[in-house]
Amino acid sequence: MSKPLPVLIPSPLLGRSSWAPVADELRGRGWEAVIATELRDPLQRRPCWRRTVDGAAASLDRVADDRPLILVGHSGAGPLLPAIAGALPQRTAGYLFVDAGLPSRGASRLEAIEAEDPAFAAELRTALDAGRCLPTWTDDQLRELVPDARRRAALLAELHPRGSDYWTEPLPIVSGWPNAPCGYLHFSPPYRSPADIARRFGWPLRHLPAGHFHLLVDPAAVASALLELVAETGVGLSEPNISPIEGGTTA
């Protein structure tokens, strides 16, 4: 059986540079790695989540259909991992969530934030109602979280602030999930709740106390933690099936 292929999926608010150092680390350790990119849709005919899903599928169009995959989602990519798996011809052998939200049965991103942090959600809703696109991070704001100036500049160059349509769209529902082993890599305090849920589910978990962009700060440690989770979950040993995306959120 082929070694599973890690597919590194950035937050829809970020770009491929957020995963590039970890991808290099994995390749240096004998693992191929693909960074998925969002599908460009200048006229925005597709929902935001659909662009992420279709972009991941397009990023794997040269990967053999019989190659098992490990879907690795950072931040806002986490809730979309089941939908991505359902759009791929390849078998998803496992899911790894990296300081990420979890799938939430059709709730919007804003609704998920309201359940975790009502005060922050209220601020976010006010800004969105005023027509703002978020986030609007600056170099100074990210200097402590991403000390490396080159990596910080690349992150900011790909930053994709989103308007209300992104934050309030209902996310897709996929039946039969989880259909493969899952693991969670936790960095920062805002993601303590999904990490706790993962722990209650009995998923393997690693905690690297750090900032949300730790994959740009210590990619070697992040790569090591991911490979530990791969080993602990036994990714690649099962033969799951996943059902198509359900309901009215598939447009």
C-alpha atoms as a PDB file:
ATOM      1  CA  MET A   1       0.000   0.000   0.000  1.00  0.00           C
ATOM      2  CA  SER A   2       1.288   3.494  -0.858  1.00  0.00           C
ATOM      3  CA  LYS A   3       2.282   5.759   1.980  1.00  0.00           C
ATOM      4  CA  PRO A   4      -0.610   8.193   2.603  1.00  0.00           C
ATOM      5  CA  LEU A   5      -0.155  11.637   1.071  1.00  0.00           C
ATOM      6  CA  PRO A   6      -0.509  14.583   3.478  1.00  0.00           C
ATOM      7  CA  VAL A   7      -2.701  17.303   1.961  1.00  0.00           C
ATOM      8  CA  LEU A   8      -2.084  20.563   3.823  1.00  0.00           C
ATOM      9  CA  ILE A   9      -5.117  22.845   3.591  1.00  0.00           C
ATOM     10  CA  PRO A  10      -4.764  26.499   4.628  1.00  0.00           C
ATOM     11  CA  SER A  11      -7.443  28.547   6.285  1.00  0.00           C
ATOM     12  CA  PRO A  12      -9.650  30.185   3.641  1.00  0.00           C
ATOM     13  CA  LEU A  13      -8.402  33.489   5.075  1.00  0.00           C
ATOM     14  CA  LEU A  14      -4.777  32.624   4.251  1.00  0.00           C
ATOM     15  CA  GLY A  15      -2.702  31.149   1.433  1.00  0.00           C
ATOM     16  CA  ARG A  16      -0.246  28.388   0.709  1.00  0.00           C
ATOM     17  CA  SER A  17       2.643  30.205   2.419  1.00  0.00           C
ATOM     18  CA  SER A  18       1.048  29.399   5.790  1.00  0.00           C
ATOM     19  CA  TRP A  19       1.879  25.708   5.225  1.00  0.00           C
ATOM     20  CA  ALA A  20       5.045  26.004   3.119  1.00  0.00           C
ATOM     21  CA  PRO A  21       7.648  25.553   5.918  1.00  0.00           C
ATOM     22  CA  VAL A  22       5.866  22.471   7.289  1.00  0.00           C
ATOM     23  CA  ALA A  23       5.564  21.014   3.788  1.00  0.00           C
ATOM     24  CA  ASP A  24       9.323  21.428   3.376  1.00  0.00           C
ATOM     25  CA  GLU A  25       9.919  19.692   6.711  1.00  0.00           C
ATOM     26  CA  LEU A  26       7.723  16.748   5.759  1.00  0.00           C
ATOM     27  CA  ARG A  27       9.419  16.372   2.393  1.00  0.00           C
ATOM     28  CA  GLY A  28      12.798  16.423   4.100  1.00  0.00           C
ATOM     29  CA  ARG A  29      11.638  13.473   6.196  1.00  0.00           C
ATOM     30  CA  GLY A  30      10.595  11.385   3.224  1.00  0.00           C
ATOM     31  CA  TRP A  31       6.927  12.341   3.059  1.00  0.00           C
ATOM     32  CA  GLU A  32       5.432  13.859  -0.037  1.00  0.00           C
ATOM     33  CA  ALA A  33       3.126  16.749   0.780  1.00  0.00           C
ATOM     34  CA  VAL A  34       0.665  18.776  -1.267  1.00  0.00           C
ATOM     35  CA  ILE A  35      -0.558  22.236  -0.280  1.00  0.00           C
ATOM     36  CA  ALA A  36      -4.130  22.769  -1.467  1.00  0.00           C
ATOM     37  CA  THR A  37      -5.076  26.164  -2.870  1.00  0.00           C
ATOM     38  CA  GLU A  38      -8.485  27.772  -3.143  1.00  0.00           C
ATOM     39  CA  LEU A  39     -10.119  27.834  -6.567  1.00  0.00           C
ATOM     40  CA  ARG A  40     -10.136  31.321  -8.060  1.00  0.00           C
ATOM     41  CA  ASP A  41     -13.650  32.600  -8.755  1.00  0.00           C
ATOM     42  CA  PRO A  42     -13.453  36.339  -9.555  1.00  0.00           C
ATOM     43  CA  LEU A  43     -17.207  36.642 -10.086  1.00  0.00           C
ATOM     44  CA  GLN A  44     -17.911  34.733  -6.856  1.00  0.00           C
ATOM     45  CA  ARG A  45     -20.492  32.472  -8.458  1.00  0.00           C
ATOM     46  CA  ARG A  46     -19.733  29.736  -5.938  1.00  0.00           C
ATOM     47  CA  PRO A  47     -20.157  29.866  -2.162  1.00  0.00           C
ATOM     48  CA  CYS A  48     -16.927  30.554  -0.305  1.00  0.00           C
ATOM     49  CA  TRP A  49     -16.774  27.043   1.133  1.00  0.00           C
ATOM     50  CA  ARG A  50     -17.251  25.531  -2.331  1.00  0.00           C
ATOM     51  CA  ARG A  51     -14.202  27.395  -3.631  1.00  0.00           C
ATOM     52  CA  THR A  52     -12.090  25.844  -0.883  1.00  0.00           C
ATOM     53  CA  VAL A  53     -13.460  22.361  -1.587  1.00  0.00           C
ATOM     54  CA  ASP A  54     -13.086  22.628  -5.365  1.00  0.00           C
ATOM     55  CA  GLY A  55      -9.610  24.110  -5.002  1.00  0.00           C
ATOM     56  CA  ALA A  56      -8.483  21.162  -2.902  1.00  0.00           C
ATOM     57  CA  ALA A  57      -9.841  18.772  -5.526  1.00  0.00           C
ATOM     58  CA  ALA A  58      -8.056  20.658  -8.313  1.00  0.00           C
ATOM     59  CA  SER A  59      -4.807  20.586  -6.334  1.00  0.00           C
ATOM     60  CA  LEU A  60      -4.970  16.770  -6.359  1.00  0.00           C
ATOM     61  CA  ASP A  61      -5.952  16.221  -9.975  1.00  0.00           C
ATOM     62  CA  ARG A  62      -2.554  14.660 -10.774  1.00  0.00           C
ATOM     63  CA  VAL A  63      -2.577  12.346  -7.752  1.00  0.00           C
ATOM     64  CA  ALA A  64      -3.481   8.733  -8.520  1.00  0.00           C
ATOM     65  CA  ASP A  65      -7.018   7.771  -7.538  1.00  0.00           C
ATOM     66  CA  ASP A  66      -5.720   4.848  -5.480  1.00  0.00           C
ATOM     67  CA  ARG A  67      -3.375   7.009  -3.364  1.00  0.00           C
ATOM     68  CA  PRO A  68      -4.692   7.336   0.226  1.00  0.00           C
ATOM     69  CA  LEU A  69      -4.761  10.871   1.620  1.00  0.00           C
ATOM     70  CA  ILE A  70      -4.366  12.498   5.011  1.00  0.00           C
ATOM     71  CA  LEU A  71      -6.346  15.750   5.054  1.00  0.00           C
ATOM     72  CA  VAL A  72      -4.662  18.290   7.343  1.00  0.00           C
ATOM     73  CA  GLY A  73      -6.653  21.466   7.972  1.00  0.00           C
ATOM     74  CA  HIS A  74      -5.485  24.595   9.766  1.00  0.00           C
ATOM     75  CA  SER A  75      -7.883  27.036  11.416  1.00  0.00           C
ATOM     76  CA  GLY A  76     -10.994  27.669   9.281  1.00  0.00           C
ATOM     77  CA  ALA A  77     -10.175  24.775   6.966  1.00  0.00           C
ATOM     78  CA  GLY A  78     -11.049  22.307   9.733  1.00  0.00           C
ATOM     79  CA  PRO A  79     -14.847  22.432   9.362  1.00  0.00           C
ATOM     80  CA  LEU A  80     -14.514  21.763   5.624  1.00  0.00           C
ATOM     81  CA  LEU A  81     -12.421  18.586   5.782  1.00  0.00           C
ATOM     82  CA  PRO A  82     -15.393  16.183   5.441  1.00  0.00           C
ATOM     83  CA  ALA A  83     -16.735  18.117   2.434  1.00  0.00           C
ATOM     84  CA  ILE A  84     -13.292  18.063   0.833  1.00  0.00           C
ATOM     85  CA  ALA A  85     -13.060  14.300   1.380  1.00  0.00           C
ATOM     86  CA  GLY A  86     -16.479  13.854  -0.213  1.00  0.00           C
ATOM     87  CA  ALA A  87     -15.364  15.727  -3.342  1.00  0.00           C
ATOM     88  CA  LEU A  88     -12.251  13.633  -3.980  1.00  0.00           C
ATOM     89  CA  PRO A  89     -11.843  10.411  -5.947  1.00  0.00           C
ATOM     90  CA  GLN A  90      -8.985   9.382  -3.653  1.00  0.00           C
ATOM     91  CA  ARG A  91      -9.648   7.644  -0.341  1.00  0.00           C
ATOM     92  CA  THR A  92      -9.271   9.806   2.742  1.00  0.00           C
ATOM     93  CA  ALA A  93      -7.370   7.678   5.243  1.00  0.00           C
ATOM     94  CA  GLY A  94      -7.374  10.218   8.068  1.00  0.00           C
ATOM     95  CA  TYR A  95      -8.091  13.758   9.213  1.00  0.00           C
ATOM     96  CA  LEU A  96      -5.795  16.010  11.248  1.00  0.00           C
ATOM     97  CA  PHE A  97      -7.083  19.292  12.666  1.00  0.00           C
ATOM     98  CA  VAL A  98      -4.404  21.891  13.415  1.00  0.00           C
ATOM     99  CA  ASP A  99      -5.609  24.628  15.786  1.00  0.00           C
ATOM    100  CA  ALA A 100      -8.823  24.341  13.817  1.00  0.00           C
ATOM    101  CA  GLY A 101     -12.564  24.370  14.141  1.00  0.00           C
ATOM    102  CA  LEU A 102     -14.471  21.105  13.851  1.00  0.00           C
ATOM    103  CA  PRO A 103     -17.346  20.231  11.497  1.00  0.00           C
ATOM    104  CA  SER A 104     -20.568  21.619  12.950  1.00  0.00           C
ATOM    105  CA  ARG A 105     -23.595  20.173  11.125  1.00  0.00           C
ATOM    106  CA  GLY A 106     -24.387  23.120   8.897  1.00  0.00           C
ATOM    107  CA  ALA A 107     -23.745  26.010  11.282  1.00  0.00           C
ATOM    108  CA  SER A 108     -22.132  29.120   9.838  1.00  0.00           C
ATOM    109  CA  ARG A 109     -18.705  30.290  10.916  1.00  0.00           C
ATOM    110  CA  LEU A 110     -20.268  33.168  12.822  1.00  0.00           C
ATOM    111  CA  GLU A 111     -22.678  30.826  14.619  1.00  0.00           C
ATOM    112  CA  ALA A 112     -19.767  28.597  15.624  1.00  0.00           C
ATOM    113  CA  ILE A 113     -17.925  31.631  17.028  1.00  0.00           C
ATOM    114  CA  GLU A 114     -21.069  32.733  18.903  1.00  0.00           C
ATOM    115  CA  ALA A 115     -21.198  29.351  20.620  1.00  0.00           C
ATOM    116  CA  GLU A 116     -17.582  29.709  21.771  1.00  0.00           C
ATOM    117  CA  ASP A 117     -17.120  33.453  22.385  1.00  0.00           C
ATOM    118  CA  PRO A 118     -20.349  35.513  22.312  1.00  0.00           C
ATOM    119  CA  ALA A 119     -18.569  38.802  23.029  1.00  0.00           C
ATOM    120  CA  PHE A 120     -16.142  38.429  20.139  1.00  0.00           C
ATOM    121  CA  ALA A 121     -18.959  37.233  17.874  1.00  0.00           C
ATOM    122  CA  ALA A 122     -20.939  40.384  18.681  1.00  0.00           C
ATOM    123  CA  GLU A 123     -17.972  42.569  17.721  1.00  0.00           C
ATOM    124  CA  LEU A 124     -17.516  40.590  14.531  1.00  0.00           C
ATOM    125  CA  ARG A 125     -21.187  40.881  13.596  1.00  0.00           C
ATOM    126  CA  THR A 126     -21.115  44.650  14.160  1.00  0.00           C
ATOM    127  CA  ALA A 127     -18.111  45.015  11.865  1.00  0.00           C
ATOM    128  CA  LEU A 128     -19.666  42.814   9.189  1.00  0.00           C
ATOM    129  CA  ASP A 129     -22.968  44.717   9.355  1.00  0.00           C
ATOM    130  CA  ALA A 130     -20.957  47.883   8.715  1.00  0.00           C
ATOM    131  CA  GLY A 131     -19.657  46.335   5.503  1.00  0.00           C
ATOM    132  CA  ARG A 132     -16.144  45.570   6.682  1.00  0.00           C
ATOM    133  CA  CYS A 133     -14.095  42.603   5.466  1.00  0.00           C
ATOM    134  CA  LEU A 134     -12.117  40.761   8.115  1.00  0.00           C
ATOM    135  CA  PRO A 135      -9.443  40.080   9.276  1.00  0.00           C
ATOM    136  CA  THR A 136      -7.336  43.189   8.665  1.00  0.00           C
ATOM    137  CA  TRP A 137      -4.141  42.166  10.431  1.00  0.00           C
ATOM    138  CA  THR A 138      -1.101  44.401  10.107  1.00  0.00           C
ATOM    139  CA  ASP A 139       2.595  43.671  10.236  1.00  0.00           C
ATOM    140  CA  ASP A 140       2.809  45.138  13.738  1.00  0.00           C
ATOM    141  CA  GLN A 141      -0.091  43.010  14.970  1.00  0.00           C
ATOM    142  CA  LEU A 142       1.512  39.780  13.742  1.00  0.00           C
ATOM    143  CA  ARG A 143       5.118  40.587  14.632  1.00  0.00           C
ATOM    144  CA  GLU A 144       5.005  38.693  17.941  1.00  0.00           C
ATOM    145  CA  LEU A 145       3.075  35.719  16.535  1.00  0.00           C
ATOM    146  CA  VAL A 146       5.280  35.383  13.431  1.00  0.00           C
ATOM    147  CA  PRO A 147       8.747  36.775  14.296  1.00  0.00           C
ATOM    148  CA  ASP A 148      10.333  35.832  10.967  1.00  0.00           C
ATOM    149  CA  ALA A 149       9.892  38.944   8.779  1.00  0.00           C
ATOM    150  CA  ARG A 150       9.964  37.059   5.474  1.00  0.00           C
ATOM    151  CA  ARG A 151       7.358  34.531   6.534  1.00  0.00           C
ATOM    152  CA  ARG A 152       5.207  37.266   8.066  1.00  0.00           C
ATOM    153  CA  ALA A 153       5.314  39.284   4.843  1.00  0.00           C
ATOM    154  CA  ALA A 154       4.308  36.232   2.795  1.00  0.00           C
ATOM    155  CA  LEU A 155       1.420  35.530   5.167  1.00  0.00           C
ATOM    156  CA  LEU A 156       0.140  39.105   4.911  1.00  0.00           C
ATOM    157  CA  ALA A 157       0.563  39.184   1.126  1.00  0.00           C
ATOM    158  CA  GLU A 158      -1.864  36.257   0.870  1.00  0.00           C
ATOM    159  CA  LEU A 159      -4.274  37.444   3.561  1.00  0.00           C
ATOM    160  CA  HIS A 160      -7.828  37.271   2.241  1.00  0.00           C
ATOM    161  CA  PRO A 161     -10.225  39.411   4.316  1.00  0.00           C
ATOM    162  CA  ARG A 162     -13.818  38.216   3.909  1.00  0.00           C
ATOM    163  CA  GLY A 163     -17.159  39.903   4.092  1.00  0.00           C
ATOM    164  CA  SER A 164     -20.458  38.819   5.577  1.00  0.00           C
ATOM    165  CA  ASP A 165     -21.098  36.174   2.908  1.00  0.00           C
ATOM    166  CA  TYR A 166     -18.129  34.164   4.166  1.00  0.00           C
ATOM    167  CA  TRP A 167     -18.875  34.467   7.876  1.00  0.00           C
ATOM    168  CA  THR A 168     -22.617  33.781   7.670  1.00  0.00           C
ATOM    169  CA  GLU A 169     -22.903  31.117   4.961  1.00  0.00           C
ATOM    170  CA  PRO A 170     -24.079  27.705   6.260  1.00  0.00           C
ATOM    171  CA  LEU A 171     -21.302  25.159   5.969  1.00  0.00           C
ATOM    172  CA  PRO A 172     -21.932  21.816   4.248  1.00  0.00           C
ATOM    173  CA  ILE A 173     -23.264  18.751   6.013  1.00  0.00           C
ATOM    174  CA  VAL A 174     -21.646  15.423   5.167  1.00  0.00           C
ATOM    175  CA  SER A 175     -23.242  12.212   6.366  1.00  0.00           C
ATOM    176  CA  GLY A 176     -21.217   9.317   7.699  1.00  0.00           C
ATOM    177  CA  TRP A 177     -18.448  11.427   9.209  1.00  0.00           C
ATOM    178  CA  PRO A 178     -16.037  10.755  10.826  1.00  0.00           C
ATOM    179  CA  ASN A 179     -15.336   7.889   8.472  1.00  0.00           C
ATOM    180  CA  ALA A 180     -11.603   7.621   9.180  1.00  0.00           C
ATOM    181  CA  PRO A 181      -9.231   8.178  12.113  1.00  0.00           C
ATOM    182  CA  CYS A 182      -8.917  11.757  13.369  1.00  0.00           C
ATOM    183  CA  GLY A 183      -6.317  13.615  15.393  1.00  0.00           C
ATOM    184  CA  TYR A 184      -5.955  17.126  16.793  1.00  0.00           C
ATOM    185  CA  LEU A 185      -2.911  19.381  17.115  1.00  0.00           C
ATOM    186  CA  HIS A 186      -3.629  22.277  19.481  1.00  0.00           C
ATOM    187  CA  PHE A 187      -1.618  25.506  19.709  1.00  0.00           C
ATOM    188  CA  SER A 188      -3.527  28.503  21.038  1.00  0.00           C
ATOM    189  CA  PRO A 189      -6.124  29.349  23.738  1.00  0.00           C
ATOM    190  CA  PRO A 190      -8.951  30.259  21.309  1.00  0.00           C
ATOM    191  CA  TYR A 191      -8.958  26.651  20.079  1.00  0.00           C
ATOM    192  CA  ARG A 192      -9.063  25.028  23.506  1.00  0.00           C
ATOM    193  CA  SER A 193     -12.747  24.134  23.091  1.00  0.00           C
ATOM    194  CA  PRO A 194     -12.402  22.092  19.867  1.00  0.00           C
ATOM    195  CA  ALA A 195      -9.295  20.468  21.346  1.00  0.00           C
ATOM    196  CA  ASP A 196     -11.338  19.478  24.400  1.00  0.00           C
ATOM    197  CA  ILE A 197     -14.053  18.060  22.130  1.00  0.00           C
ATOM    198  CA  ALA A 198     -11.441  16.050  20.261  1.00  0.00           C
ATOM    199  CA  ARG A 199     -10.169  14.712  23.577  1.00  0.00           C
ATOM    200  CA  ARG A 200     -13.697  13.688  24.605  1.00  0.00           C
ATOM    201  CA  PHE A 201     -14.075  11.906  21.272  1.00  0.00           C
ATOM    202  CA  GLY A 202     -10.972   9.922  22.165  1.00  0.00           C
ATOM    203  CA  TRP A 203      -8.904  11.294  19.293  1.00  0.00           C
ATOM    204  CA  PRO A 204      -5.125  11.387  19.657  1.00  0.00           C
ATOM    205  CA  LEU A 205      -4.122  14.905  20.632  1.00  0.00           C
ATOM    206  CA  ARG A 206      -0.914  16.913  20.837  1.00  0.00           C
ATOM    207  CA  HIS A 207      -0.559  20.326  22.475  1.00  0.00           C
ATOM    208  CA  LEU A 208       2.233  22.702  21.536  1.00  0.00           C
ATOM    209  CA  PRO A 209       1.542  25.802  23.672  1.00  0.00           C
ATOM    210  CA  ALA A 210       2.067  28.562  21.138  1.00  0.00           C
ATOM    211  CA  GLY A 211       0.396  31.096  18.873  1.00  0.00           C
ATOM    212  CA  HIS A 212      -2.096  30.299  16.141  1.00  0.00           C
ATOM    213  CA  PHE A 213       0.580  30.583  13.432  1.00  0.00           C
ATOM    214  CA  HIS A 214       3.055  28.227  15.082  1.00  0.00           C
ATOM    215  CA  LEU A 215       3.389  26.338  11.798  1.00  0.00           C
ATOM    216  CA  LEU A 216       5.396  29.412  10.635  1.00  0.00           C
ATOM    217  CA  VAL A 217       7.399  29.674  13.859  1.00  0.00           C
ATOM    218  CA  ASP A 218       8.563  26.101  14.498  1.00  0.00           C
ATOM    219  CA  PRO A 219       7.686  24.002  11.448  1.00  0.00           C
ATOM    220  CA  ALA A 220       9.988  21.195  12.603  1.00  0.00           C
ATOM    221  CA  ALA A 221       8.031  20.745  15.832  1.00  0.00           C
ATOM    222  CA  VAL A 222       4.740  20.945  13.954  1.00  0.00           C
ATOM    223  CA  ALA A 223       5.861  18.352  11.411  1.00  0.00           C
ATOM    224  CA  SER A 224       6.995  16.054  14.239  1.00  0.00           C
ATOM    225  CA  ALA A 225       3.649  16.397  16.014  1.00  0.00           C
ATOM    226  CA  LEU A 226       1.752  15.659  12.806  1.00  0.00           C
ATOM    227  CA  LEU A 227       3.780  12.522  12.160  1.00  0.00           C
ATOM    228  CA  GLU A 228       3.229  11.404  15.757  1.00  0.00           C
ATOM    229  CA  LEU A 229      -0.522  11.787  15.200  1.00  0.00           C
ATOM    230  CA  VAL A 230      -0.289   9.854  11.934  1.00  0.00           C
ATOM    231  CA  ALA A 231       1.446   7.010  13.766  1.00  0.00           C
ATOM    232  CA  GLU A 232      -0.960   7.059  16.700  1.00  0.00           C
ATOM    233  CA  THR A 233      -4.113   7.136  14.589  1.00  0.00           C
ATOM    234  CA  GLY A 234      -2.931   4.312  12.356  1.00  0.00           C
ATOM    235  CA  VAL A 235      -3.834   6.374   9.310  1.00  0.00           C
ATOM    236  CA  GLY A 236      -3.932   4.356   6.108  1.00  0.00           C
ATOM    237  CA  LEU A 237      -5.019   1.089   7.702  1.00  0.00           C
ATOM    238  CA  SER A 238      -8.787   1.459   7.242  1.00  0.00           C
ATOM    239  CA  GLU A 239     -10.957   1.402   4.146  1.00  0.00           C
ATOM    240  CA  PRO A 240     -13.658   4.030   4.801  1.00  0.00           C
ATOM    241  CA  ASN A 241     -16.460   5.279   2.619  1.00  0.00           C
ATOM    242  CA  ILE A 242     -17.959   8.738   2.842  1.00  0.00           C
ATOM    243  CA  SER A 243     -21.364   9.907   1.703  1.00  0.00           C
ATOM    244  CA  PRO A 244     -21.912  12.882  -0.588  1.00  0.00           C
ATOM    245  CA  ILE A 245     -22.604  16.350   0.766  1.00  0.00           C
ATOM    246  CA  GLU A 246     -26.205  16.664   1.890  1.00  0.00           C
ATOM    247  CA  GLY A 247     -28.895  19.286   1.876  1.00  0.00           C
ATOM    248  CA  GLY A 248     -29.242  22.727   0.398  1.00  0.00           C
ATOM    249  CA  THR A 249     -25.715  23.875   1.119  1.00  0.00           C
ATOM    250  CA  THR A 250     -24.183  22.272  -1.943  1.00  0.00           C
ATOM    251  CA  ALA A 251     -24.752  25.043  -4.502  1.00  0.00           C
END
